[in-house]
């Protein structure tokens, strides 16, 4: 009998599903399957958190996914999620990183996961972070201007989006080289 492992770690009831799968695997004598599940749990989870999960945390997730290897699982979420800002998608695409398949998520769906790092990228999310009840080894705070709040011509707004993108890129790059 061959069983293909389905990766569902973002599932809101992941722990319950995992428990049921392990129980079923034990009954079938599939110890390799159980080891595979346990290996996934040893990945190092990193969460980028902001208020709406629309710009800064999405860009940070995009950079981290590009820079980190398979030992890391990268997430982004918001305390009050909305939708991914099209300008964030555009400025990331300009430098070859596609975040068009990202979607805005509530931090609530990730509380069941342990995190090596939770990195807030705005002051509003930082204020909400004490409410983050998940298991966290390291909390970091990087405050970036919210490009979505900038008003002006499209040229001015895009210039700010690119500036924030580049600041996030540098911060994520430095984080990866000095911490991981």
C-alpha atoms as a PDB file:
ATOM      1  CA  UNK A   1       0.000   0.000   0.000  1.00  0.00           C
ATOM      2  CA  UNK A   2       1.373   3.421  -0.925  1.00  0.00           C
ATOM      3  CA  UNK A   3       0.278   6.576   0.892  1.00  0.00           C
ATOM      4  CA  UNK A   4       1.230   9.987  -0.389  1.00  0.00           C
ATOM      5  CA  UNK A   5       1.833  12.555   2.354  1.00  0.00           C
ATOM      6  CA  UNK A   6      -0.335  15.633   2.005  1.00  0.00           C
ATOM      7  CA  UNK A   7       1.163  18.837   3.351  1.00  0.00           C
ATOM      8  CA  UNK A   8      -1.525  20.659   5.305  1.00  0.00           C
ATOM      9  CA  UNK A   9       0.355  22.516   8.014  1.00  0.00           C
ATOM     10  CA  UNK A  10      -1.624  25.713   7.370  1.00  0.00           C
ATOM     11  CA  UNK A  11      -4.866  23.885   8.133  1.00  0.00           C
ATOM     12  CA  UNK A  12      -6.591  25.570  11.119  1.00  0.00           C
ATOM     13  CA  UNK A  13      -7.165  22.238  12.879  1.00  0.00           C
ATOM     14  CA  UNK A  14      -3.735  20.882  12.002  1.00  0.00           C
ATOM     15  CA  UNK A  15      -3.040  19.325  15.413  1.00  0.00           C
ATOM     16  CA  UNK A  16      -6.260  17.297  15.405  1.00  0.00           C
ATOM     17  CA  UNK A  17      -5.710  16.152  11.810  1.00  0.00           C
ATOM     18  CA  UNK A  18      -2.085  15.255  12.606  1.00  0.00           C
ATOM     19  CA  UNK A  19      -3.160  13.235  15.667  1.00  0.00           C
ATOM     20  CA  UNK A  20      -5.732  11.310  13.594  1.00  0.00           C
ATOM     21  CA  UNK A  21      -3.201  10.599  10.840  1.00  0.00           C
ATOM     22  CA  UNK A  22      -0.602   9.319  13.298  1.00  0.00           C
ATOM     23  CA  UNK A  23      -3.194   7.077  14.944  1.00  0.00           C
ATOM     24  CA  UNK A  24      -4.262   5.671  11.569  1.00  0.00           C
ATOM     25  CA  UNK A  25      -0.629   5.188  10.512  1.00  0.00           C
ATOM     26  CA  UNK A  26       0.150   3.285  13.730  1.00  0.00           C
ATOM     27  CA  UNK A  27      -2.788   0.946  13.132  1.00  0.00           C
ATOM     28  CA  UNK A  28      -1.421   0.258   9.653  1.00  0.00           C
ATOM     29  CA  UNK A  29       2.178  -0.124  10.893  1.00  0.00           C
ATOM     30  CA  UNK A  30       3.460   2.834   8.866  1.00  0.00           C
ATOM     31  CA  UNK A  31       6.347   4.029  11.034  1.00  0.00           C
ATOM     32  CA  UNK A  32       8.030   5.837   8.116  1.00  0.00           C
ATOM     33  CA  UNK A  33       4.916   7.957   7.685  1.00  0.00           C
ATOM     34  CA  UNK A  34       5.014   8.919  11.370  1.00  0.00           C
ATOM     35  CA  UNK A  35       8.695   9.860  11.094  1.00  0.00           C
ATOM     36  CA  UNK A  36       7.868  12.070   8.074  1.00  0.00           C
ATOM     37  CA  UNK A  37       5.217  13.926  10.077  1.00  0.00           C
ATOM     38  CA  UNK A  38       7.605  14.386  13.005  1.00  0.00           C
ATOM     39  CA  UNK A  39      10.319  15.685  10.651  1.00  0.00           C
ATOM     40  CA  UNK A  40       7.967  18.367   9.392  1.00  0.00           C
ATOM     41  CA  UNK A  41       7.326  19.431  12.966  1.00  0.00           C
ATOM     42  CA  UNK A  42      11.061  20.051  13.376  1.00  0.00           C
ATOM     43  CA  UNK A  43      11.059  22.772  10.743  1.00  0.00           C
ATOM     44  CA  UNK A  44      11.819  26.209  12.063  1.00  0.00           C
ATOM     45  CA  UNK A  45       8.744  28.393  11.715  1.00  0.00           C
ATOM     46  CA  UNK A  46       9.114  32.127  11.100  1.00  0.00           C
ATOM     47  CA  UNK A  47       6.134  34.489  11.222  1.00  0.00           C
ATOM     48  CA  UNK A  48       6.038  38.040   9.897  1.00  0.00           C
ATOM     49  CA  UNK A  49       3.193  39.880  11.568  1.00  0.00           C
ATOM     50  CA  UNK A  50       1.581  43.216  10.797  1.00  0.00           C
ATOM     51  CA  UNK A  51      -1.842  44.736  11.115  1.00  0.00           C
ATOM     52  CA  UNK A  52      -3.523  43.948   7.795  1.00  0.00           C
ATOM     53  CA  UNK A  53      -1.113  41.401   6.281  1.00  0.00           C
ATOM     54  CA  UNK A  54      -1.384  43.366   3.057  1.00  0.00           C
ATOM     55  CA  UNK A  55       2.042  44.890   2.327  1.00  0.00           C
ATOM     56  CA  UNK A  56       5.006  44.763   4.694  1.00  0.00           C
ATOM     57  CA  UNK A  57       4.533  41.284   6.125  1.00  0.00           C
ATOM     58  CA  UNK A  58       3.740  39.924   2.643  1.00  0.00           C
ATOM     59  CA  UNK A  59       6.941  41.407   1.229  1.00  0.00           C
ATOM     60  CA  UNK A  60       8.962  40.077   4.177  1.00  0.00           C
ATOM     61  CA  UNK A  61       7.468  36.618   3.633  1.00  0.00           C
ATOM     62  CA  UNK A  62       8.412  36.809  -0.059  1.00  0.00           C
ATOM     63  CA  UNK A  63      12.035  37.708   0.701  1.00  0.00           C
ATOM     64  CA  UNK A  64      12.357  35.088   3.444  1.00  0.00           C
ATOM     65  CA  UNK A  65      10.950  32.367   1.186  1.00  0.00           C
ATOM     66  CA  UNK A  66      13.569  33.280  -1.416  1.00  0.00           C
ATOM     67  CA  UNK A  67      16.478  33.393   1.049  1.00  0.00           C
ATOM     68  CA  UNK A  68      15.780  30.495   3.420  1.00  0.00           C
ATOM     69  CA  UNK A  69      16.010  26.784   2.707  1.00  0.00           C
ATOM     70  CA  UNK A  70      13.569  23.931   3.332  1.00  0.00           C
ATOM     71  CA  UNK A  71      14.419  23.769   7.052  1.00  0.00           C
ATOM     72  CA  UNK A  72      12.251  26.870   7.445  1.00  0.00           C
ATOM     73  CA  UNK A  73       8.543  27.365   7.066  1.00  0.00           C
ATOM     74  CA  UNK A  74       7.695  31.001   6.426  1.00  0.00           C
ATOM     75  CA  UNK A  75       4.361  32.578   7.326  1.00  0.00           C
ATOM     76  CA  UNK A  76       2.840  36.030   7.368  1.00  0.00           C
ATOM     77  CA  UNK A  77      -0.354  37.104   9.061  1.00  0.00           C
ATOM     78  CA  UNK A  78      -2.238  40.100  10.344  1.00  0.00           C
ATOM     79  CA  UNK A  79      -4.022  41.082  13.501  1.00  0.00           C
ATOM     80  CA  UNK A  80      -6.828  42.513  11.323  1.00  0.00           C
ATOM     81  CA  UNK A  81      -6.259  40.882   7.902  1.00  0.00           C
ATOM     82  CA  UNK A  82      -7.549  42.467   4.713  1.00  0.00           C
ATOM     83  CA  UNK A  83      -6.163  41.552   1.278  1.00  0.00           C
ATOM     84  CA  UNK A  84      -2.756  41.673  -0.395  1.00  0.00           C
ATOM     85  CA  UNK A  85      -2.135  45.124  -1.810  1.00  0.00           C
ATOM     86  CA  UNK A  86      -1.710  45.050  -5.619  1.00  0.00           C
ATOM     87  CA  UNK A  87       1.120  47.587  -5.362  1.00  0.00           C
ATOM     88  CA  UNK A  88       3.040  45.255  -3.036  1.00  0.00           C
ATOM     89  CA  UNK A  89       2.628  42.488  -5.616  1.00  0.00           C
ATOM     90  CA  UNK A  90       3.818  44.852  -8.355  1.00  0.00           C
ATOM     91  CA  UNK A  91       6.978  46.105  -6.593  1.00  0.00           C
ATOM     92  CA  UNK A  92       7.982  42.584  -5.618  1.00  0.00           C
ATOM     93  CA  UNK A  93       7.459  41.382  -9.184  1.00  0.00           C
ATOM     94  CA  UNK A  94       9.792  44.162 -10.363  1.00  0.00           C
ATOM     95  CA  UNK A  95      12.654  42.373  -8.591  1.00  0.00           C
ATOM     96  CA  UNK A  96      11.634  38.852  -9.560  1.00  0.00           C
ATOM     97  CA  UNK A  97       9.653  37.738  -6.503  1.00  0.00           C
ATOM     98  CA  UNK A  98       6.094  36.632  -7.168  1.00  0.00           C
ATOM     99  CA  UNK A  99       3.735  37.097  -4.230  1.00  0.00           C
ATOM    100  CA  UNK A 100       0.589  37.147  -6.363  1.00  0.00           C
ATOM    101  CA  UNK A 101      -0.521  33.812  -4.882  1.00  0.00           C
ATOM    102  CA  UNK A 102      -0.198  35.100  -1.297  1.00  0.00           C
ATOM    103  CA  UNK A 103      -3.348  35.867   0.626  1.00  0.00           C
ATOM    104  CA  UNK A 104      -4.054  37.814   3.781  1.00  0.00           C
ATOM    105  CA  UNK A 105      -4.385  35.589   6.867  1.00  0.00           C
ATOM    106  CA  UNK A 106      -5.444  36.129  10.436  1.00  0.00           C
ATOM    107  CA  UNK A 107      -2.837  35.389  13.085  1.00  0.00           C
ATOM    108  CA  UNK A 108      -5.582  33.420  14.849  1.00  0.00           C
ATOM    109  CA  UNK A 109      -5.201  30.488  12.434  1.00  0.00           C
ATOM    110  CA  UNK A 110      -1.512  30.143  13.336  1.00  0.00           C
ATOM    111  CA  UNK A 111      -1.730  30.105  17.123  1.00  0.00           C
ATOM    112  CA  UNK A 112      -1.394  26.303  17.202  1.00  0.00           C
ATOM    113  CA  UNK A 113       2.092  26.395  15.648  1.00  0.00           C
ATOM    114  CA  UNK A 114       5.349  26.879  17.549  1.00  0.00           C
ATOM    115  CA  UNK A 115       7.529  29.678  16.122  1.00  0.00           C
ATOM    116  CA  UNK A 116      11.281  30.103  16.208  1.00  0.00           C
ATOM    117  CA  UNK A 117      10.747  33.782  15.368  1.00  0.00           C
ATOM    118  CA  UNK A 118       7.766  36.111  15.359  1.00  0.00           C
ATOM    119  CA  UNK A 119       8.755  39.370  13.727  1.00  0.00           C
ATOM    120  CA  UNK A 120       6.385  42.305  13.884  1.00  0.00           C
ATOM    121  CA  UNK A 121       6.858  44.783  11.045  1.00  0.00           C
ATOM    122  CA  UNK A 122       4.674  47.605  12.353  1.00  0.00           C
ATOM    123  CA  UNK A 123       4.009  49.241  15.697  1.00  0.00           C
ATOM    124  CA  UNK A 124       0.293  48.389  15.690  1.00  0.00           C
ATOM    125  CA  UNK A 125       1.007  44.664  15.391  1.00  0.00           C
ATOM    126  CA  UNK A 126       3.677  44.950  18.068  1.00  0.00           C
ATOM    127  CA  UNK A 127       1.070  46.338  20.463  1.00  0.00           C
ATOM    128  CA  UNK A 128      -1.121  43.305  19.721  1.00  0.00           C
ATOM    129  CA  UNK A 129       1.735  40.829  20.061  1.00  0.00           C
ATOM    130  CA  UNK A 130       1.365  40.292  23.804  1.00  0.00           C
ATOM    131  CA  UNK A 131      -1.990  38.759  22.840  1.00  0.00           C
ATOM    132  CA  UNK A 132      -0.192  36.255  20.598  1.00  0.00           C
ATOM    133  CA  UNK A 133      -0.603  33.140  22.702  1.00  0.00           C
ATOM    134  CA  UNK A 134       1.369  30.776  20.510  1.00  0.00           C
ATOM    135  CA  UNK A 135       4.723  29.301  21.500  1.00  0.00           C
ATOM    136  CA  UNK A 136       7.461  31.752  20.460  1.00  0.00           C
ATOM    137  CA  UNK A 137      11.208  31.392  21.043  1.00  0.00           C
ATOM    138  CA  UNK A 138      12.243  34.822  19.768  1.00  0.00           C
ATOM    139  CA  UNK A 139      10.244  38.014  19.252  1.00  0.00           C
ATOM    140  CA  UNK A 140      11.693  40.764  17.096  1.00  0.00           C
ATOM    141  CA  UNK A 141      10.290  44.115  16.039  1.00  0.00           C
ATOM    142  CA  UNK A 142      11.078  45.950  12.827  1.00  0.00           C
ATOM    143  CA  UNK A 143       8.962  49.034  12.280  1.00  0.00           C
ATOM    144  CA  UNK A 144       8.463  50.034   8.650  1.00  0.00           C
ATOM    145  CA  UNK A 145       6.350  52.853   7.300  1.00  0.00           C
ATOM    146  CA  UNK A 146       3.042  51.599   5.884  1.00  0.00           C
ATOM    147  CA  UNK A 147       3.206  52.344   2.153  1.00  0.00           C
ATOM    148  CA  UNK A 148      -0.544  51.746   1.838  1.00  0.00           C
ATOM    149  CA  UNK A 149      -1.187  54.845   3.952  1.00  0.00           C
ATOM    150  CA  UNK A 150       0.797  57.155   1.663  1.00  0.00           C
ATOM    151  CA  UNK A 151      -1.240  59.546  -0.445  1.00  0.00           C
ATOM    152  CA  UNK A 152      -0.230  61.400  -3.564  1.00  0.00           C
ATOM    153  CA  UNK A 153       0.305  60.654  -7.200  1.00  0.00           C
ATOM    154  CA  UNK A 154       0.812  57.077  -8.321  1.00  0.00           C
ATOM    155  CA  UNK A 155       4.483  57.905  -8.890  1.00  0.00           C
ATOM    156  CA  UNK A 156       4.917  59.129  -5.298  1.00  0.00           C
ATOM    157  CA  UNK A 157       3.052  56.151  -3.821  1.00  0.00           C
ATOM    158  CA  UNK A 158       5.061  53.654  -5.895  1.00  0.00           C
ATOM    159  CA  UNK A 159       8.302  55.347  -4.875  1.00  0.00           C
ATOM    160  CA  UNK A 160       7.385  54.779  -1.201  1.00  0.00           C
ATOM    161  CA  UNK A 161       6.386  51.155  -1.888  1.00  0.00           C
ATOM    162  CA  UNK A 162       9.801  50.574  -3.507  1.00  0.00           C
ATOM    163  CA  UNK A 163      11.596  52.304  -0.628  1.00  0.00           C
ATOM    164  CA  UNK A 164       9.808  50.154   1.967  1.00  0.00           C
ATOM    165  CA  UNK A 165      10.380  47.036  -0.149  1.00  0.00           C
ATOM    166  CA  UNK A 166      14.118  47.745  -0.273  1.00  0.00           C
ATOM    167  CA  UNK A 167      14.278  48.411   3.476  1.00  0.00           C
ATOM    168  CA  UNK A 168      12.489  45.109   4.149  1.00  0.00           C
ATOM    169  CA  UNK A 169      14.805  43.292   1.722  1.00  0.00           C
ATOM    170  CA  UNK A 170      17.877  44.603   3.548  1.00  0.00           C
ATOM    171  CA  UNK A 171      16.457  43.766   6.962  1.00  0.00           C
ATOM    172  CA  UNK A 172      15.469  40.220   5.970  1.00  0.00           C
ATOM    173  CA  UNK A 173      18.860  39.671   4.304  1.00  0.00           C
ATOM    174  CA  UNK A 174      20.706  40.859   7.417  1.00  0.00           C
ATOM    175  CA  UNK A 175      18.460  38.742   9.632  1.00  0.00           C
ATOM    176  CA  UNK A 176      19.146  35.621   7.567  1.00  0.00           C
ATOM    177  CA  UNK A 177      22.916  36.174   7.472  1.00  0.00           C
ATOM    178  CA  UNK A 178      23.277  36.989  11.168  1.00  0.00           C
ATOM    179  CA  UNK A 179      20.689  34.728  12.855  1.00  0.00           C
ATOM    180  CA  UNK A 180      20.204  31.689  10.738  1.00  0.00           C
END
